[in-house]
């Protein structure tokens, strides 16, 4: 079993050529931590930032029926909200320009945040979209599905989901790969992920790591006892050989390759913590309904428990 996520992009991201970044600001927080992360990436890439706020306009004359409250009242309230958020954007723009970062801003009032971000992405055609994401309780997971999940599936540009944590100094960037996938396009994806990981590591001064996990079901695959041990050893050798073949054309240090067996989510999260990961890079292919249900569940667990930022990309041919 390997790390999966829903496909989000029809092109791959190349961090050393990033020129434009769309930064989605959460106006409900006093200070969205994605701003500081965007500042860091912009300084490393010399990219232009576009700050974006979407505030759903629920104040319409059709939303409420109150005697004496006509359309003029609701329009006035709408403009007050608009002025407030544009003022917030202007303050952030001034802050970033003082640090010699090229920056612009946009405001929208779409009824659905994910669709607003997708529309903005189509208009701007950025090289990267950055958005903060939070860990949610079981009761709040629908928030992830409705917004982040929609972006993961439909955003037409690479997406970096930023966690509310500080980056580790000299930390790692970890790529989860799947060298045993039966589809040839998966191999292209793995090479694309590793290429981007190496470029990002050089650009952001991070250490490149590779993670792969396989999940043997001993009770059904092998007899108990010594034969089971032999079977597991053979399986590990096969996976190790595949990883070696995958990494032949790359520069990942042998000591930075983790081959784990067991359920992927706890093993991956533990590894990310052990190496002080700042970014987890994952990719995926388009899948059928059944595969999406299984893969989506795994990806959701990874996003929920991941202690670092998550970058999801696809091969350029998908």
C-alpha atoms as a PDB file:
ATOM      1  CA  UNK A   1       0.000   0.000   0.000  1.00  0.00           C
ATOM      2  CA  UNK A   2       1.297   3.484  -0.818  1.00  0.00           C
ATOM      3  CA  UNK A   3       0.411   7.106  -0.280  1.00  0.00           C
ATOM      4  CA  UNK A   4      -2.356   8.378  -2.520  1.00  0.00           C
ATOM      5  CA  UNK A   5      -4.325  11.573  -3.086  1.00  0.00           C
ATOM      6  CA  UNK A   6      -6.941  12.655  -5.589  1.00  0.00           C
ATOM      7  CA  UNK A   7      -5.590  14.155  -8.815  1.00  0.00           C
ATOM      8  CA  UNK A   8      -5.554  17.938  -8.905  1.00  0.00           C
ATOM      9  CA  UNK A   9      -3.480  19.216 -11.777  1.00  0.00           C
ATOM     10  CA  UNK A  10      -2.956  18.756 -15.485  1.00  0.00           C
ATOM     11  CA  UNK A  11       0.661  19.867 -15.270  1.00  0.00           C
ATOM     12  CA  UNK A  12       3.541  19.486 -12.893  1.00  0.00           C
ATOM     13  CA  UNK A  13       5.069  22.146 -10.739  1.00  0.00           C
ATOM     14  CA  UNK A  14       8.698  23.168 -11.229  1.00  0.00           C
ATOM     15  CA  UNK A  15       9.698  25.191  -8.214  1.00  0.00           C
ATOM     16  CA  UNK A  16      12.753  26.802  -9.805  1.00  0.00           C
ATOM     17  CA  UNK A  17      10.529  28.408 -12.427  1.00  0.00           C
ATOM     18  CA  UNK A  18       7.636  29.486 -10.219  1.00  0.00           C
ATOM     19  CA  UNK A  19       6.701  33.029 -11.187  1.00  0.00           C
ATOM     20  CA  UNK A  20       3.158  33.480  -9.872  1.00  0.00           C
ATOM     21  CA  UNK A  21       1.568  32.166  -6.686  1.00  0.00           C
ATOM     22  CA  UNK A  22      -2.084  32.468  -5.697  1.00  0.00           C
ATOM     23  CA  UNK A  23      -2.389  32.775  -1.915  1.00  0.00           C
ATOM     24  CA  UNK A  24      -5.827  32.112  -0.457  1.00  0.00           C
ATOM     25  CA  UNK A  25      -6.395  34.158   2.704  1.00  0.00           C
ATOM     26  CA  UNK A  26      -8.792  33.058   5.436  1.00  0.00           C
ATOM     27  CA  UNK A  27     -10.497  36.304   6.553  1.00  0.00           C
ATOM     28  CA  UNK A  28     -12.007  34.662   9.641  1.00  0.00           C
ATOM     29  CA  UNK A  29      -8.628  34.498  11.436  1.00  0.00           C
ATOM     30  CA  UNK A  30      -6.670  37.381  12.899  1.00  0.00           C
ATOM     31  CA  UNK A  31      -3.533  36.290  11.056  1.00  0.00           C
ATOM     32  CA  UNK A  32      -3.609  33.528   8.446  1.00  0.00           C
ATOM     33  CA  UNK A  33      -0.346  31.582   8.741  1.00  0.00           C
ATOM     34  CA  UNK A  34      -0.330  30.980   4.973  1.00  0.00           C
ATOM     35  CA  UNK A  35       0.865  34.579   4.561  1.00  0.00           C
ATOM     36  CA  UNK A  36       4.160  33.894   6.314  1.00  0.00           C
ATOM     37  CA  UNK A  37       4.678  30.675   4.385  1.00  0.00           C
ATOM     38  CA  UNK A  38       3.967  32.450   1.105  1.00  0.00           C
ATOM     39  CA  UNK A  39       6.440  35.141   2.079  1.00  0.00           C
ATOM     40  CA  UNK A  40       9.122  32.491   2.589  1.00  0.00           C
ATOM     41  CA  UNK A  41       8.445  30.774  -0.748  1.00  0.00           C
ATOM     42  CA  UNK A  42       8.248  34.081  -2.636  1.00  0.00           C
ATOM     43  CA  UNK A  43      11.638  35.153  -1.358  1.00  0.00           C
ATOM     44  CA  UNK A  44      13.135  31.805  -2.398  1.00  0.00           C
ATOM     45  CA  UNK A  45      11.582  31.832  -5.876  1.00  0.00           C
ATOM     46  CA  UNK A  46      11.299  35.583  -6.535  1.00  0.00           C
ATOM     47  CA  UNK A  47       7.684  34.904  -7.459  1.00  0.00           C
ATOM     48  CA  UNK A  48       4.814  37.374  -7.557  1.00  0.00           C
ATOM     49  CA  UNK A  49       2.029  36.787  -5.030  1.00  0.00           C
ATOM     50  CA  UNK A  50      -1.671  37.379  -5.570  1.00  0.00           C
ATOM     51  CA  UNK A  51      -3.596  37.468  -2.301  1.00  0.00           C
ATOM     52  CA  UNK A  52      -7.184  36.318  -2.609  1.00  0.00           C
ATOM     53  CA  UNK A  53     -10.163  36.579  -0.275  1.00  0.00           C
ATOM     54  CA  UNK A  54     -13.588  35.206  -0.985  1.00  0.00           C
ATOM     55  CA  UNK A  55     -16.468  36.232   1.258  1.00  0.00           C
ATOM     56  CA  UNK A  56     -19.787  34.617   0.547  1.00  0.00           C
ATOM     57  CA  UNK A  57     -22.410  37.317   0.124  1.00  0.00           C
ATOM     58  CA  UNK A  58     -25.453  36.119   2.042  1.00  0.00           C
ATOM     59  CA  UNK A  59     -26.892  39.589   2.499  1.00  0.00           C
ATOM     60  CA  UNK A  60     -29.312  39.806  -0.376  1.00  0.00           C
ATOM     61  CA  UNK A  61     -32.853  41.011  -0.470  1.00  0.00           C
ATOM     62  CA  UNK A  62     -33.921  37.445  -1.221  1.00  0.00           C
ATOM     63  CA  UNK A  63     -32.158  35.935   1.795  1.00  0.00           C
ATOM     64  CA  UNK A  64     -34.315  37.479   4.491  1.00  0.00           C
ATOM     65  CA  UNK A  65     -37.829  38.812   4.570  1.00  0.00           C
ATOM     66  CA  UNK A  66     -37.982  41.588   7.092  1.00  0.00           C
ATOM     67  CA  UNK A  67     -40.526  44.379   6.944  1.00  0.00           C
ATOM     68  CA  UNK A  68     -38.863  47.654   6.173  1.00  0.00           C
ATOM     69  CA  UNK A  69     -35.584  46.144   4.942  1.00  0.00           C
ATOM     70  CA  UNK A  70     -35.316  46.583   1.207  1.00  0.00           C
ATOM     71  CA  UNK A  71     -32.577  45.880  -1.306  1.00  0.00           C
ATOM     72  CA  UNK A  72     -30.797  49.146  -0.511  1.00  0.00           C
ATOM     73  CA  UNK A  73     -30.210  48.028   3.088  1.00  0.00           C
ATOM     74  CA  UNK A  74     -28.674  44.725   2.051  1.00  0.00           C
ATOM     75  CA  UNK A  75     -26.514  46.365  -0.601  1.00  0.00           C
ATOM     76  CA  UNK A  76     -25.153  48.786   2.005  1.00  0.00           C
ATOM     77  CA  UNK A  77     -24.283  45.900   4.324  1.00  0.00           C
ATOM     78  CA  UNK A  78     -22.624  44.038   1.478  1.00  0.00           C
ATOM     79  CA  UNK A  79     -20.428  47.031   0.672  1.00  0.00           C
ATOM     80  CA  UNK A  80     -19.380  47.317   4.311  1.00  0.00           C
ATOM     81  CA  UNK A  81     -18.169  43.712   4.259  1.00  0.00           C
ATOM     82  CA  UNK A  82     -16.410  44.288   0.958  1.00  0.00           C
ATOM     83  CA  UNK A  83     -14.640  47.379   2.264  1.00  0.00           C
ATOM     84  CA  UNK A  84     -13.549  45.510   5.387  1.00  0.00           C
ATOM     85  CA  UNK A  85     -11.949  42.639   3.465  1.00  0.00           C
ATOM     86  CA  UNK A  86     -10.373  44.893   0.868  1.00  0.00           C
ATOM     87  CA  UNK A  87      -8.844  46.906   3.707  1.00  0.00           C
ATOM     88  CA  UNK A  88      -7.448  43.668   5.146  1.00  0.00           C
ATOM     89  CA  UNK A  89      -5.958  42.786   1.761  1.00  0.00           C
ATOM     90  CA  UNK A  90      -4.466  46.262   1.360  1.00  0.00           C
ATOM     91  CA  UNK A  91      -2.737  45.985   4.734  1.00  0.00           C
ATOM     92  CA  UNK A  92      -1.202  42.631   3.776  1.00  0.00           C
ATOM     93  CA  UNK A  93      -0.109  43.995   0.406  1.00  0.00           C
ATOM     94  CA  UNK A  94       1.659  46.911   2.118  1.00  0.00           C
ATOM     95  CA  UNK A  95       3.365  44.524   4.536  1.00  0.00           C
ATOM     96  CA  UNK A  96       4.711  42.297   1.778  1.00  0.00           C
ATOM     97  CA  UNK A  97       5.794  45.159  -0.462  1.00  0.00           C
ATOM     98  CA  UNK A  98       7.846  46.539   2.403  1.00  0.00           C
ATOM     99  CA  UNK A  99       9.831  43.299   2.157  1.00  0.00           C
ATOM    100  CA  UNK A 100      10.353  43.800  -1.599  1.00  0.00           C
ATOM    101  CA  UNK A 101       7.863  41.118  -2.599  1.00  0.00           C
ATOM    102  CA  UNK A 102       5.799  41.797  -5.720  1.00  0.00           C
ATOM    103  CA  UNK A 103       2.184  41.372  -4.717  1.00  0.00           C
ATOM    104  CA  UNK A 104      -1.359  42.078  -5.864  1.00  0.00           C
ATOM    105  CA  UNK A 105      -4.785  41.204  -4.469  1.00  0.00           C
ATOM    106  CA  UNK A 106      -8.273  40.183  -5.539  1.00  0.00           C
ATOM    107  CA  UNK A 107     -11.627  39.909  -3.784  1.00  0.00           C
ATOM    108  CA  UNK A 108     -14.677  37.821  -4.697  1.00  0.00           C
ATOM    109  CA  UNK A 109     -18.116  37.027  -3.289  1.00  0.00           C
ATOM    110  CA  UNK A 110     -18.765  33.547  -4.614  1.00  0.00           C
ATOM    111  CA  UNK A 111     -21.198  31.368  -2.661  1.00  0.00           C
ATOM    112  CA  UNK A 112     -18.742  28.449  -2.588  1.00  0.00           C
ATOM    113  CA  UNK A 113     -15.142  29.005  -1.477  1.00  0.00           C
ATOM    114  CA  UNK A 114     -13.666  26.107  -3.432  1.00  0.00           C
ATOM    115  CA  UNK A 115     -15.352  27.210  -6.647  1.00  0.00           C
ATOM    116  CA  UNK A 116     -14.181  30.776  -6.073  1.00  0.00           C
ATOM    117  CA  UNK A 117     -10.584  29.575  -5.728  1.00  0.00           C
ATOM    118  CA  UNK A 118     -10.899  27.364  -8.810  1.00  0.00           C
ATOM    119  CA  UNK A 119     -12.316  30.269 -10.848  1.00  0.00           C
ATOM    120  CA  UNK A 120      -9.545  32.577  -9.650  1.00  0.00           C
ATOM    121  CA  UNK A 121      -6.946  29.970 -10.543  1.00  0.00           C
ATOM    122  CA  UNK A 122      -8.337  29.650 -14.052  1.00  0.00           C
ATOM    123  CA  UNK A 123      -8.216  33.426 -14.453  1.00  0.00           C
ATOM    124  CA  UNK A 124      -4.690  33.934 -13.120  1.00  0.00           C
ATOM    125  CA  UNK A 125      -3.097  30.649 -14.246  1.00  0.00           C
ATOM    126  CA  UNK A 126      -0.652  30.597 -11.299  1.00  0.00           C
ATOM    127  CA  UNK A 127       2.213  28.134 -10.975  1.00  0.00           C
ATOM    128  CA  UNK A 128       1.130  27.296  -7.433  1.00  0.00           C
ATOM    129  CA  UNK A 129      -1.898  27.762  -5.191  1.00  0.00           C
ATOM    130  CA  UNK A 130      -1.293  28.051  -1.455  1.00  0.00           C
ATOM    131  CA  UNK A 131      -4.021  27.666   1.142  1.00  0.00           C
ATOM    132  CA  UNK A 132      -3.993  27.084   4.881  1.00  0.00           C
ATOM    133  CA  UNK A 133      -5.582  23.920   6.199  1.00  0.00           C
ATOM    134  CA  UNK A 134      -6.492  22.877   9.727  1.00  0.00           C
ATOM    135  CA  UNK A 135      -6.811  19.581  11.521  1.00  0.00           C
ATOM    136  CA  UNK A 136     -10.463  18.963  12.262  1.00  0.00           C
ATOM    137  CA  UNK A 137     -12.280  16.712  14.687  1.00  0.00           C
ATOM    138  CA  UNK A 138     -14.426  13.874  13.361  1.00  0.00           C
ATOM    139  CA  UNK A 139     -17.471  16.110  13.601  1.00  0.00           C
ATOM    140  CA  UNK A 140     -15.764  18.822  11.544  1.00  0.00           C
ATOM    141  CA  UNK A 141     -14.287  16.695   8.749  1.00  0.00           C
ATOM    142  CA  UNK A 142     -17.028  17.711   6.359  1.00  0.00           C
ATOM    143  CA  UNK A 143     -15.301  21.108   6.268  1.00  0.00           C
ATOM    144  CA  UNK A 144     -12.202  19.445   4.816  1.00  0.00           C
ATOM    145  CA  UNK A 145     -14.276  17.511   2.292  1.00  0.00           C
ATOM    146  CA  UNK A 146     -16.260  20.510   1.172  1.00  0.00           C
ATOM    147  CA  UNK A 147     -13.368  22.913   0.642  1.00  0.00           C
ATOM    148  CA  UNK A 148      -9.895  21.364   0.665  1.00  0.00           C
ATOM    149  CA  UNK A 149     -11.170  18.117  -0.787  1.00  0.00           C
ATOM    150  CA  UNK A 150     -12.865  19.922  -3.643  1.00  0.00           C
ATOM    151  CA  UNK A 151      -9.633  21.788  -4.379  1.00  0.00           C
ATOM    152  CA  UNK A 152      -7.577  18.616  -4.237  1.00  0.00           C
ATOM    153  CA  UNK A 153      -9.811  17.088  -6.866  1.00  0.00           C
ATOM    154  CA  UNK A 154     -10.530  20.072  -9.106  1.00  0.00           C
ATOM    155  CA  UNK A 155      -7.976  22.866  -8.698  1.00  0.00           C
ATOM    156  CA  UNK A 156      -6.326  23.374 -12.118  1.00  0.00           C
ATOM    157  CA  UNK A 157      -2.912  24.163 -10.588  1.00  0.00           C
ATOM    158  CA  UNK A 158      -0.608  22.458  -8.084  1.00  0.00           C
ATOM    159  CA  UNK A 159      -1.856  22.962  -4.546  1.00  0.00           C
ATOM    160  CA  UNK A 160       0.152  23.449  -1.360  1.00  0.00           C
ATOM    161  CA  UNK A 161      -1.948  22.929   1.754  1.00  0.00           C
ATOM    162  CA  UNK A 162      -0.196  24.773   4.568  1.00  0.00           C
ATOM    163  CA  UNK A 163      -0.390  23.525   8.143  1.00  0.00           C
ATOM    164  CA  UNK A 164      -0.307  25.906  11.155  1.00  0.00           C
ATOM    165  CA  UNK A 165       3.255  25.010  12.080  1.00  0.00           C
ATOM    166  CA  UNK A 166       6.673  26.603  11.727  1.00  0.00           C
ATOM    167  CA  UNK A 167       9.139  25.050   9.315  1.00  0.00           C
ATOM    168  CA  UNK A 168      12.081  23.233  10.883  1.00  0.00           C
ATOM    169  CA  UNK A 169      15.450  24.827  10.229  1.00  0.00           C
ATOM    170  CA  UNK A 170      17.273  22.463   7.885  1.00  0.00           C
ATOM    171  CA  UNK A 171      14.185  20.251   7.736  1.00  0.00           C
ATOM    172  CA  UNK A 172      13.196  17.680   5.136  1.00  0.00           C
ATOM    173  CA  UNK A 173      10.947  17.354   2.134  1.00  0.00           C
ATOM    174  CA  UNK A 174       9.535  13.835   1.855  1.00  0.00           C
ATOM    175  CA  UNK A 175       8.091  12.241  -1.276  1.00  0.00           C
ATOM    176  CA  UNK A 176       5.792   9.221  -1.046  1.00  0.00           C
ATOM    177  CA  UNK A 177       6.239   6.934  -4.081  1.00  0.00           C
ATOM    178  CA  UNK A 178       4.613   3.794  -5.481  1.00  0.00           C
ATOM    179  CA  UNK A 179       7.064   1.839  -7.666  1.00  0.00           C
ATOM    180  CA  UNK A 180       4.806  -1.236  -7.802  1.00  0.00           C
ATOM    181  CA  UNK A 181       1.801   0.475  -9.392  1.00  0.00           C
ATOM    182  CA  UNK A 182       0.614  -1.447 -12.443  1.00  0.00           C
ATOM    183  CA  UNK A 183      -0.069   1.648 -14.579  1.00  0.00           C
ATOM    184  CA  UNK A 184       2.885   2.988 -16.555  1.00  0.00           C
ATOM    185  CA  UNK A 185       1.765   6.553 -15.889  1.00  0.00           C
ATOM    186  CA  UNK A 186       2.388   5.984 -12.160  1.00  0.00           C
ATOM    187  CA  UNK A 187       6.083   5.464 -12.868  1.00  0.00           C
ATOM    188  CA  UNK A 188       6.140   8.798 -14.692  1.00  0.00           C
ATOM    189  CA  UNK A 189       4.413  10.356 -11.705  1.00  0.00           C
ATOM    190  CA  UNK A 190       6.988   8.965  -9.270  1.00  0.00           C
ATOM    191  CA  UNK A 191       9.855  10.374 -11.333  1.00  0.00           C
ATOM    192  CA  UNK A 192       8.061  13.727 -11.595  1.00  0.00           C
ATOM    193  CA  UNK A 193       7.533  13.822  -7.824  1.00  0.00           C
ATOM    194  CA  UNK A 194      11.177  13.019  -7.135  1.00  0.00           C
ATOM    195  CA  UNK A 195      12.388  15.590  -9.673  1.00  0.00           C
ATOM    196  CA  UNK A 196      10.320  18.291  -8.026  1.00  0.00           C
ATOM    197  CA  UNK A 197      11.439  17.179  -4.583  1.00  0.00           C
ATOM    198  CA  UNK A 198      15.097  17.519  -5.556  1.00  0.00           C
ATOM    199  CA  UNK A 199      14.507  20.955  -7.101  1.00  0.00           C
ATOM    200  CA  UNK A 200      12.529  22.182  -4.110  1.00  0.00           C
ATOM    201  CA  UNK A 201      15.118  20.829  -1.704  1.00  0.00           C
ATOM    202  CA  UNK A 202      17.861  22.779  -3.452  1.00  0.00           C
ATOM    203  CA  UNK A 203      15.784  25.928  -3.700  1.00  0.00           C
ATOM    204  CA  UNK A 204      14.390  25.923  -0.157  1.00  0.00           C
ATOM    205  CA  UNK A 205      17.470  24.358   1.468  1.00  0.00           C
ATOM    206  CA  UNK A 206      15.671  21.211   2.565  1.00  0.00           C
ATOM    207  CA  UNK A 207      16.866  17.605   2.734  1.00  0.00           C
ATOM    208  CA  UNK A 208      15.311  15.218   0.157  1.00  0.00           C
ATOM    209  CA  UNK A 209      13.733  11.994   1.425  1.00  0.00           C
ATOM    210  CA  UNK A 210      11.793   9.129  -0.184  1.00  0.00           C
ATOM    211  CA  UNK A 211       9.108   7.080   1.572  1.00  0.00           C
ATOM    212  CA  UNK A 212       7.468   3.861   0.431  1.00  0.00           C
ATOM    213  CA  UNK A 213       5.299   1.522   2.462  1.00  0.00           C
ATOM    214  CA  UNK A 214       3.949  -1.913   1.602  1.00  0.00           C
ATOM    215  CA  UNK A 215       1.292  -3.678   3.626  1.00  0.00           C
ATOM    216  CA  UNK A 216       1.626  -7.508   3.679  1.00  0.00           C
ATOM    217  CA  UNK A 217      -1.388  -9.410   4.973  1.00  0.00           C
ATOM    218  CA  UNK A 218       0.538 -12.261   6.572  1.00  0.00           C
ATOM    219  CA  UNK A 219      -2.460 -14.368   7.570  1.00  0.00           C
ATOM    220  CA  UNK A 220      -3.751 -14.670   4.008  1.00  0.00           C
ATOM    221  CA  UNK A 221      -0.521 -14.517   1.999  1.00  0.00           C
ATOM    222  CA  UNK A 222       1.864 -16.751   3.918  1.00  0.00           C
ATOM    223  CA  UNK A 223       1.730 -19.629   6.406  1.00  0.00           C
ATOM    224  CA  UNK A 224       2.592 -18.906   9.997  1.00  0.00           C
ATOM    225  CA  UNK A 225       6.101 -19.433  11.385  1.00  0.00           C
ATOM    226  CA  UNK A 226       9.363 -19.556   9.462  1.00  0.00           C
ATOM    227  CA  UNK A 227       7.713 -19.686   6.025  1.00  0.00           C
ATOM    228  CA  UNK A 228       5.968 -16.423   6.837  1.00  0.00           C
ATOM    229  CA  UNK A 229       9.277 -14.787   7.743  1.00  0.00           C
ATOM    230  CA  UNK A 230      10.842 -16.006   4.514  1.00  0.00           C
ATOM    231  CA  UNK A 231       7.911 -14.690   2.509  1.00  0.00           C
ATOM    232  CA  UNK A 232       8.120 -11.265   4.157  1.00  0.00           C
ATOM    233  CA  UNK A 233      11.868 -11.109   3.531  1.00  0.00           C
ATOM    234  CA  UNK A 234      11.317 -11.886  -0.143  1.00  0.00           C
ATOM    235  CA  UNK A 235       8.646  -9.214  -0.389  1.00  0.00           C
ATOM    236  CA  UNK A 236      10.907  -6.625   1.187  1.00  0.00           C
ATOM    237  CA  UNK A 237      13.729  -7.506  -1.231  1.00  0.00           C
ATOM    238  CA  UNK A 238      11.381  -7.048  -4.203  1.00  0.00           C
ATOM    239  CA  UNK A 239      10.233  -3.637  -2.961  1.00  0.00           C
ATOM    240  CA  UNK A 240      13.811  -2.581  -2.181  1.00  0.00           C
ATOM    241  CA  UNK A 241      14.875  -3.563  -5.708  1.00  0.00           C
ATOM    242  CA  UNK A 242      12.039  -1.512  -7.218  1.00  0.00           C
ATOM    243  CA  UNK A 243      12.990   1.506  -5.121  1.00  0.00           C
ATOM    244  CA  UNK A 244      16.633   1.175  -6.205  1.00  0.00           C
ATOM    245  CA  UNK A 245      15.567   1.047  -9.855  1.00  0.00           C
ATOM    246  CA  UNK A 246      13.338   4.099  -9.392  1.00  0.00           C
ATOM    247  CA  UNK A 247      16.144   6.123  -7.814  1.00  0.00           C
ATOM    248  CA  UNK A 248      18.896   5.208 -10.305  1.00  0.00           C
ATOM    249  CA  UNK A 249      18.519   8.500 -12.195  1.00  0.00           C
ATOM    250  CA  UNK A 250      18.138  10.644  -9.075  1.00  0.00           C
ATOM    251  CA  UNK A 251      20.434  11.981  -6.372  1.00  0.00           C
ATOM    252  CA  UNK A 252      18.614  10.922  -3.202  1.00  0.00           C
ATOM    253  CA  UNK A 253      21.015   9.794  -0.484  1.00  0.00           C
ATOM    254  CA  UNK A 254      20.645   6.075   0.380  1.00  0.00           C
ATOM    255  CA  UNK A 255      20.222   6.981   4.036  1.00  0.00           C
ATOM    256  CA  UNK A 256      17.240   9.179   3.136  1.00  0.00           C
ATOM    257  CA  UNK A 257      15.156   6.326   1.710  1.00  0.00           C
ATOM    258  CA  UNK A 258      12.584   4.756   4.022  1.00  0.00           C
ATOM    259  CA  UNK A 259      11.104   1.354   3.109  1.00  0.00           C
ATOM    260  CA  UNK A 260       8.409   0.524   5.614  1.00  0.00           C
ATOM    261  CA  UNK A 261       5.931  -2.312   5.927  1.00  0.00           C
ATOM    262  CA  UNK A 262       2.598  -1.916   7.625  1.00  0.00           C
ATOM    263  CA  UNK A 263      -0.354   0.452   7.456  1.00  0.00           C
ATOM    264  CA  UNK A 264       0.801   3.546   5.611  1.00  0.00           C
ATOM    265  CA  UNK A 265      -0.771   6.374   7.605  1.00  0.00           C
ATOM    266  CA  UNK A 266       0.849   5.827  11.046  1.00  0.00           C
ATOM    267  CA  UNK A 267       4.177   4.820   9.496  1.00  0.00           C
ATOM    268  CA  UNK A 268       4.287   7.828   7.187  1.00  0.00           C
ATOM    269  CA  UNK A 269       3.303  10.289   9.900  1.00  0.00           C
ATOM    270  CA  UNK A 270       5.926   8.850  12.266  1.00  0.00           C
ATOM    271  CA  UNK A 271       8.593   9.148   9.573  1.00  0.00           C
ATOM    272  CA  UNK A 272       7.635  12.751   8.824  1.00  0.00           C
ATOM    273  CA  UNK A 273       8.088  13.595  12.489  1.00  0.00           C
ATOM    274  CA  UNK A 274      11.357  11.664  12.766  1.00  0.00           C
ATOM    275  CA  UNK A 275      12.998  13.587   9.895  1.00  0.00           C
ATOM    276  CA  UNK A 276      11.508  17.002  10.779  1.00  0.00           C
ATOM    277  CA  UNK A 277       9.626  17.202   7.493  1.00  0.00           C
ATOM    278  CA  UNK A 278       8.471  20.600   6.278  1.00  0.00           C
ATOM    279  CA  UNK A 279       6.679  19.350   3.147  1.00  0.00           C
ATOM    280  CA  UNK A 280       5.140  16.030   2.138  1.00  0.00           C
ATOM    281  CA  UNK A 281       4.879  15.616  -1.637  1.00  0.00           C
ATOM    282  CA  UNK A 282       2.198  13.240  -2.887  1.00  0.00           C
ATOM    283  CA  UNK A 283       0.614  12.615  -6.241  1.00  0.00           C
ATOM    284  CA  UNK A 284      -2.179  10.570  -7.740  1.00  0.00           C
ATOM    285  CA  UNK A 285      -3.942   9.363 -10.822  1.00  0.00           C
ATOM    286  CA  UNK A 286      -7.564   9.600 -11.875  1.00  0.00           C
ATOM    287  CA  UNK A 287      -9.445   6.597 -10.542  1.00  0.00           C
ATOM    288  CA  UNK A 288     -12.785   4.885 -10.770  1.00  0.00           C
ATOM    289  CA  UNK A 289     -15.507   5.254  -8.152  1.00  0.00           C
ATOM    290  CA  UNK A 290     -14.390   2.313  -6.000  1.00  0.00           C
ATOM    291  CA  UNK A 291     -10.739   3.348  -6.092  1.00  0.00           C
ATOM    292  CA  UNK A 292     -11.660   6.921  -5.194  1.00  0.00           C
ATOM    293  CA  UNK A 293     -13.504   5.710  -2.099  1.00  0.00           C
ATOM    294  CA  UNK A 294     -10.487   3.718  -0.891  1.00  0.00           C
ATOM    295  CA  UNK A 295      -7.839   6.221  -1.919  1.00  0.00           C
ATOM    296  CA  UNK A 296      -9.863   9.148  -0.636  1.00  0.00           C
ATOM    297  CA  UNK A 297     -10.084   7.575   2.797  1.00  0.00           C
ATOM    298  CA  UNK A 298      -6.315   7.058   2.953  1.00  0.00           C
ATOM    299  CA  UNK A 299      -5.581  10.546   1.667  1.00  0.00           C
ATOM    300  CA  UNK A 300      -7.974  12.100   4.173  1.00  0.00           C
ATOM    301  CA  UNK A 301      -6.201  10.329   7.041  1.00  0.00           C
ATOM    302  CA  UNK A 302      -2.859  11.576   5.749  1.00  0.00           C
ATOM    303  CA  UNK A 303      -4.110  15.153   5.453  1.00  0.00           C
ATOM    304  CA  UNK A 304      -5.675  14.996   8.898  1.00  0.00           C
ATOM    305  CA  UNK A 305      -2.614  13.593  10.656  1.00  0.00           C
ATOM    306  CA  UNK A 306       0.226  15.055   8.596  1.00  0.00           C
ATOM    307  CA  UNK A 307       2.446  17.262  10.798  1.00  0.00           C
ATOM    308  CA  UNK A 308       3.696  19.324   7.831  1.00  0.00           C
ATOM    309  CA  UNK A 309       2.566  21.045   4.647  1.00  0.00           C
ATOM    310  CA  UNK A 310       1.259  18.841   1.829  1.00  0.00           C
ATOM    311  CA  UNK A 311       1.956  19.433  -1.861  1.00  0.00           C
ATOM    312  CA  UNK A 312      -0.148  17.399  -4.320  1.00  0.00           C
ATOM    313  CA  UNK A 313       0.915  17.184  -7.951  1.00  0.00           C
ATOM    314  CA  UNK A 314       0.319  15.063 -11.060  1.00  0.00           C
ATOM    315  CA  UNK A 315       2.436  13.986 -14.018  1.00  0.00           C
ATOM    316  CA  UNK A 316       2.305  16.466 -16.940  1.00  0.00           C
ATOM    317  CA  UNK A 317       0.687  13.923 -19.250  1.00  0.00           C
ATOM    318  CA  UNK A 318      -2.373  13.263 -17.050  1.00  0.00           C
END
